[in-house]
Amino acid sequence: MERKDIAVDLDGLAGIPFVGTAVHSLDAKKRLTISAEWRALVGHPERLFVLPSAVERCLCVYPARFMAQRLQRLSEKSEVDAEAQDFMRELSANANLVPWDAQGRIRIKDNLLDYAQLKSEVVLVGVFVRFELWSPELWKLKQPVIDQQKLGTAARSVGL
């Protein structure tokens, strides 16, 4: 039987989405290696937006092209819309737009590393359209074991 990969298009993110987990180490210069597989999903331009999560003590990493679509919506807000302007300032001030080097490493701002309590090891967690960066300690608290009840609820919520 021939295996066929299924391509998924999640709101402009062509290809197979970010899935799975991996543990990588920050090197002496605080650079993090992104796997070749995930770099291929990012595509061009080869840049990532790194943002603090609004709901967890981790960092959210989005391909630049995905964020460009979202930022277009923000740019359409009126300059006299004070709430929208505050949101844009907050998002931009805490964002980090990073390229990767020839070895697939990125360097994230120290304040973001501190926010997510990332020191030497980093858990990379695929979340379909993005991936997250977690400290191993916080990830263990969040996801200590596979919870069959939570998996069932999640599966039902996406129609499985």
C-alpha atoms as a PDB file:
ATOM      1  CA  MET A   1       0.000   0.000   0.000  1.00  0.00           C
ATOM      2  CA  GLU A   2       1.378   3.394  -1.015  1.00  0.00           C
ATOM      3  CA  ARG A   3       1.530   6.043   1.686  1.00  0.00           C
ATOM      4  CA  LYS A   4       0.189   9.462   0.777  1.00  0.00           C
ATOM      5  CA  ASP A   5       0.851  12.537   2.867  1.00  0.00           C
ATOM      6  CA  ILE A   6      -2.141  14.732   3.429  1.00  0.00           C
ATOM      7  CA  ALA A   7      -1.521  18.450   3.007  1.00  0.00           C
ATOM      8  CA  VAL A   8      -3.525  20.739   5.249  1.00  0.00           C
ATOM      9  CA  ASP A   9      -4.126  24.422   4.562  1.00  0.00           C
ATOM     10  CA  LEU A  10      -4.800  26.148   7.866  1.00  0.00           C
ATOM     11  CA  ASP A  11      -5.680  29.718   6.959  1.00  0.00           C
ATOM     12  CA  GLY A  12      -2.747  30.245   4.615  1.00  0.00           C
ATOM     13  CA  LEU A  13      -0.257  27.909   6.262  1.00  0.00           C
ATOM     14  CA  ALA A  14       0.234  25.432   3.433  1.00  0.00           C
ATOM     15  CA  GLY A  15       1.705  22.044   4.173  1.00  0.00           C
ATOM     16  CA  ILE A  16       1.571  19.870   7.216  1.00  0.00           C
ATOM     17  CA  PRO A  17       1.191  21.967  10.381  1.00  0.00           C
ATOM     18  CA  PHE A  18       3.531  22.109  13.374  1.00  0.00           C
ATOM     19  CA  VAL A  19       2.904  18.981  15.458  1.00  0.00           C
ATOM     20  CA  GLY A  20       4.751  17.031  18.125  1.00  0.00           C
ATOM     21  CA  THR A  21       7.244  18.001  20.797  1.00  0.00           C
ATOM     22  CA  ALA A  22      11.013  18.119  21.016  1.00  0.00           C
ATOM     23  CA  VAL A  23      13.577  19.208  23.570  1.00  0.00           C
ATOM     24  CA  HIS A  24      16.464  21.369  22.378  1.00  0.00           C
ATOM     25  CA  SER A  25      19.204  23.180  24.275  1.00  0.00           C
ATOM     26  CA  LEU A  26      20.113  26.829  24.144  1.00  0.00           C
ATOM     27  CA  ASP A  27      23.777  27.115  23.159  1.00  0.00           C
ATOM     28  CA  ALA A  28      26.334  29.331  24.940  1.00  0.00           C
ATOM     29  CA  LYS A  29      25.122  32.348  22.921  1.00  0.00           C
ATOM     30  CA  LYS A  30      21.486  31.584  23.832  1.00  0.00           C
ATOM     31  CA  ARG A  31      20.605  30.404  20.328  1.00  0.00           C
ATOM     32  CA  LEU A  32      17.931  27.777  19.784  1.00  0.00           C
ATOM     33  CA  THR A  33      18.017  25.320  16.890  1.00  0.00           C
ATOM     34  CA  ILE A  34      14.777  24.871  14.983  1.00  0.00           C
ATOM     35  CA  SER A  35      14.476  21.487  13.259  1.00  0.00           C
ATOM     36  CA  ALA A  36      14.856  21.348   9.471  1.00  0.00           C
ATOM     37  CA  GLU A  37      11.330  19.934   9.239  1.00  0.00           C
ATOM     38  CA  TRP A  38       9.804  22.910  11.031  1.00  0.00           C
ATOM     39  CA  ARG A  39      12.004  25.381   9.141  1.00  0.00           C
ATOM     40  CA  ALA A  40      10.609  23.921   5.903  1.00  0.00           C
ATOM     41  CA  LEU A  41       7.079  24.641   7.169  1.00  0.00           C
ATOM     42  CA  VAL A  42       7.996  28.269   7.801  1.00  0.00           C
ATOM     43  CA  GLY A  43       8.864  28.871   4.142  1.00  0.00           C
ATOM     44  CA  HIS A  44       9.851  32.295   2.853  1.00  0.00           C
ATOM     45  CA  PRO A  45      10.597  34.815   4.155  1.00  0.00           C
ATOM     46  CA  GLU A  46      12.661  32.785   6.585  1.00  0.00           C
ATOM     47  CA  ARG A  47      11.728  34.749   9.655  1.00  0.00           C
ATOM     48  CA  LEU A  48       9.743  33.978  12.772  1.00  0.00           C
ATOM     49  CA  PHE A  49       7.675  36.194  15.054  1.00  0.00           C
ATOM     50  CA  VAL A  50       8.276  35.338  18.703  1.00  0.00           C
ATOM     51  CA  LEU A  51       5.698  36.680  21.153  1.00  0.00           C
ATOM     52  CA  PRO A  52       4.916  36.055  24.801  1.00  0.00           C
ATOM     53  CA  SER A  53       1.767  33.994  25.143  1.00  0.00           C
ATOM     54  CA  ALA A  54      -1.216  35.937  26.417  1.00  0.00           C
ATOM     55  CA  VAL A  55      -2.523  32.910  28.338  1.00  0.00           C
ATOM     56  CA  GLU A  56       0.506  30.805  29.355  1.00  0.00           C
ATOM     57  CA  ARG A  57       4.061  31.373  30.627  1.00  0.00           C
ATOM     58  CA  CYS A  58       5.589  30.369  27.288  1.00  0.00           C
ATOM     59  CA  LEU A  59       6.539  31.937  23.958  1.00  0.00           C
ATOM     60  CA  CYS A  60       4.482  31.621  20.778  1.00  0.00           C
ATOM     61  CA  VAL A  61       6.379  31.365  17.492  1.00  0.00           C
ATOM     62  CA  TYR A  62       4.647  32.123  14.196  1.00  0.00           C
ATOM     63  CA  PRO A  63       5.932  32.135  10.613  1.00  0.00           C
ATOM     64  CA  ALA A  64       6.306  35.722   9.417  1.00  0.00           C
ATOM     65  CA  ARG A  65       3.885  35.175   6.525  1.00  0.00           C
ATOM     66  CA  PHE A  66       1.204  33.950   8.915  1.00  0.00           C
ATOM     67  CA  MET A  67       1.671  36.989  11.164  1.00  0.00           C
ATOM     68  CA  ALA A  68       1.683  39.317   8.155  1.00  0.00           C
ATOM     69  CA  GLN A  69      -1.913  38.244   7.466  1.00  0.00           C
ATOM     70  CA  ARG A  70      -2.907  38.946  11.059  1.00  0.00           C
ATOM     71  CA  LEU A  71      -1.071  42.251  11.204  1.00  0.00           C
ATOM     72  CA  GLN A  72      -2.885  43.385   8.065  1.00  0.00           C
ATOM     73  CA  ARG A  73      -6.096  43.288  10.093  1.00  0.00           C
ATOM     74  CA  LEU A  74      -4.515  45.481  12.760  1.00  0.00           C
ATOM     75  CA  SER A  75      -3.203  47.976  10.238  1.00  0.00           C
ATOM     76  CA  GLU A  76      -6.757  48.529   9.014  1.00  0.00           C
ATOM     77  CA  LYS A  77      -7.779  49.862  12.431  1.00  0.00           C
ATOM     78  CA  SER A  78      -8.229  53.579  12.728  1.00  0.00           C
ATOM     79  CA  GLU A  79      -5.371  55.584  14.184  1.00  0.00           C
ATOM     80  CA  VAL A  80      -7.929  57.250  16.433  1.00  0.00           C
ATOM     81  CA  ASP A  81      -9.066  53.897  17.863  1.00  0.00           C
ATOM     82  CA  ALA A  82      -7.210  54.154  21.187  1.00  0.00           C
ATOM     83  CA  GLU A  83      -7.821  50.533  22.190  1.00  0.00           C
ATOM     84  CA  ALA A  84      -6.502  49.202  18.870  1.00  0.00           C
ATOM     85  CA  GLN A  85      -3.472  51.473  19.072  1.00  0.00           C
ATOM     86  CA  ASP A  86      -2.716  50.285  22.625  1.00  0.00           C
ATOM     87  CA  PHE A  87      -2.979  46.693  21.476  1.00  0.00           C
ATOM     88  CA  MET A  88      -0.626  47.309  18.543  1.00  0.00           C
ATOM     89  CA  ARG A  89       1.899  49.001  20.851  1.00  0.00           C
ATOM     90  CA  GLU A  90       1.770  46.143  23.354  1.00  0.00           C
ATOM     91  CA  LEU A  91       2.134  43.505  20.660  1.00  0.00           C
ATOM     92  CA  SER A  92       4.922  45.284  18.807  1.00  0.00           C
ATOM     93  CA  ALA A  93       6.914  46.242  21.906  1.00  0.00           C
ATOM     94  CA  ASN A  94       7.021  42.624  23.051  1.00  0.00           C
ATOM     95  CA  ALA A  95       7.525  40.979  19.655  1.00  0.00           C
ATOM     96  CA  ASN A  96      10.793  39.639  18.335  1.00  0.00           C
ATOM     97  CA  LEU A  97      11.183  39.142  14.575  1.00  0.00           C
ATOM     98  CA  VAL A  98      14.038  36.676  14.135  1.00  0.00           C
ATOM     99  CA  PRO A  99      15.779  35.074  11.165  1.00  0.00           C
ATOM    100  CA  TRP A 100      17.645  31.811  11.513  1.00  0.00           C
ATOM    101  CA  ASP A 101      21.276  31.314  10.648  1.00  0.00           C
ATOM    102  CA  ALA A 102      22.782  28.684   8.320  1.00  0.00           C
ATOM    103  CA  GLN A 103      22.526  26.070  11.102  1.00  0.00           C
ATOM    104  CA  GLY A 104      18.851  26.815  11.732  1.00  0.00           C
ATOM    105  CA  ARG A 105      19.417  28.673  15.001  1.00  0.00           C
ATOM    106  CA  ILE A 106      17.479  31.689  16.232  1.00  0.00           C
ATOM    107  CA  ARG A 107      18.409  34.181  18.956  1.00  0.00           C
ATOM    108  CA  ILE A 108      15.479  35.335  21.062  1.00  0.00           C
ATOM    109  CA  LYS A 109      15.608  38.533  23.135  1.00  0.00           C
ATOM    110  CA  ASP A 110      16.647  38.054  26.745  1.00  0.00           C
ATOM    111  CA  ASN A 111      13.448  39.611  28.104  1.00  0.00           C
ATOM    112  CA  LEU A 112      11.378  37.007  26.270  1.00  0.00           C
ATOM    113  CA  LEU A 113      13.622  34.165  27.449  1.00  0.00           C
ATOM    114  CA  ASP A 114      13.195  35.504  30.999  1.00  0.00           C
ATOM    115  CA  TYR A 115       9.403  35.786  30.600  1.00  0.00           C
ATOM    116  CA  ALA A 116       9.127  32.111  29.647  1.00  0.00           C
ATOM    117  CA  GLN A 117      11.777  31.060  32.199  1.00  0.00           C
ATOM    118  CA  LEU A 118      13.933  29.541  29.432  1.00  0.00           C
ATOM    119  CA  LYS A 119      17.450  28.819  30.588  1.00  0.00           C
ATOM    120  CA  SER A 120      19.290  25.863  29.084  1.00  0.00           C
ATOM    121  CA  GLU A 121      16.680  23.449  27.768  1.00  0.00           C
ATOM    122  CA  VAL A 122      13.588  24.355  25.766  1.00  0.00           C
ATOM    123  CA  VAL A 123      10.563  22.210  24.980  1.00  0.00           C
ATOM    124  CA  LEU A 124       9.233  22.982  21.498  1.00  0.00           C
ATOM    125  CA  VAL A 125       5.536  22.134  21.220  1.00  0.00           C
ATOM    126  CA  GLY A 126       3.713  22.123  17.886  1.00  0.00           C
ATOM    127  CA  VAL A 127       0.322  23.836  17.971  1.00  0.00           C
ATOM    128  CA  PHE A 128      -0.657  23.480  14.298  1.00  0.00           C
ATOM    129  CA  VAL A 129      -0.301  27.077  12.985  1.00  0.00           C
ATOM    130  CA  ARG A 130       2.451  27.949  15.478  1.00  0.00           C
ATOM    131  CA  PHE A 131       4.809  26.335  17.899  1.00  0.00           C
ATOM    132  CA  GLU A 132       5.471  27.199  21.509  1.00  0.00           C
ATOM    133  CA  LEU A 133       8.644  27.371  23.571  1.00  0.00           C
ATOM    134  CA  TRP A 134       8.329  26.084  27.142  1.00  0.00           C
ATOM    135  CA  SER A 135      10.679  25.584  30.046  1.00  0.00           C
ATOM    136  CA  PRO A 136      10.785  21.849  30.845  1.00  0.00           C
ATOM    137  CA  GLU A 137       9.554  22.542  34.380  1.00  0.00           C
ATOM    138  CA  LEU A 138       6.517  24.551  33.293  1.00  0.00           C
ATOM    139  CA  TRP A 139       5.724  22.078  30.497  1.00  0.00           C
ATOM    140  CA  LYS A 140       5.675  19.192  32.997  1.00  0.00           C
ATOM    141  CA  LEU A 141       3.145  21.110  35.082  1.00  0.00           C
ATOM    142  CA  LYS A 142       1.028  21.830  32.017  1.00  0.00           C
ATOM    143  CA  GLN A 143       1.243  18.412  30.354  1.00  0.00           C
ATOM    144  CA  PRO A 144       2.442  15.822  32.876  1.00  0.00           C
ATOM    145  CA  VAL A 145       0.781  12.788  31.245  1.00  0.00           C
ATOM    146  CA  ILE A 146      -1.578  12.045  28.392  1.00  0.00           C
ATOM    147  CA  ASP A 147      -5.076  12.708  29.688  1.00  0.00           C
ATOM    148  CA  GLN A 148      -7.563  10.520  27.822  1.00  0.00           C
ATOM    149  CA  GLN A 149     -10.537  12.637  28.875  1.00  0.00           C
ATOM    150  CA  LYS A 150      -8.873  15.853  27.579  1.00  0.00           C
ATOM    151  CA  LEU A 151      -7.936  14.076  24.341  1.00  0.00           C
ATOM    152  CA  GLY A 152     -11.555  13.008  23.888  1.00  0.00           C
ATOM    153  CA  THR A 153     -12.808  16.534  24.453  1.00  0.00           C
ATOM    154  CA  ALA A 154     -10.218  17.960  22.047  1.00  0.00           C
ATOM    155  CA  ALA A 155     -11.036  15.371  19.392  1.00  0.00           C
ATOM    156  CA  ARG A 156     -14.754  16.135  19.617  1.00  0.00           C
ATOM    157  CA  SER A 157     -14.106  19.882  19.371  1.00  0.00           C
ATOM    158  CA  VAL A 158     -12.453  19.402  15.956  1.00  0.00           C
ATOM    159  CA  GLY A 159     -15.028  16.887  14.750  1.00  0.00           C
ATOM    160  CA  LEU A 160     -13.089  13.630  15.146  1.00  0.00           C
END
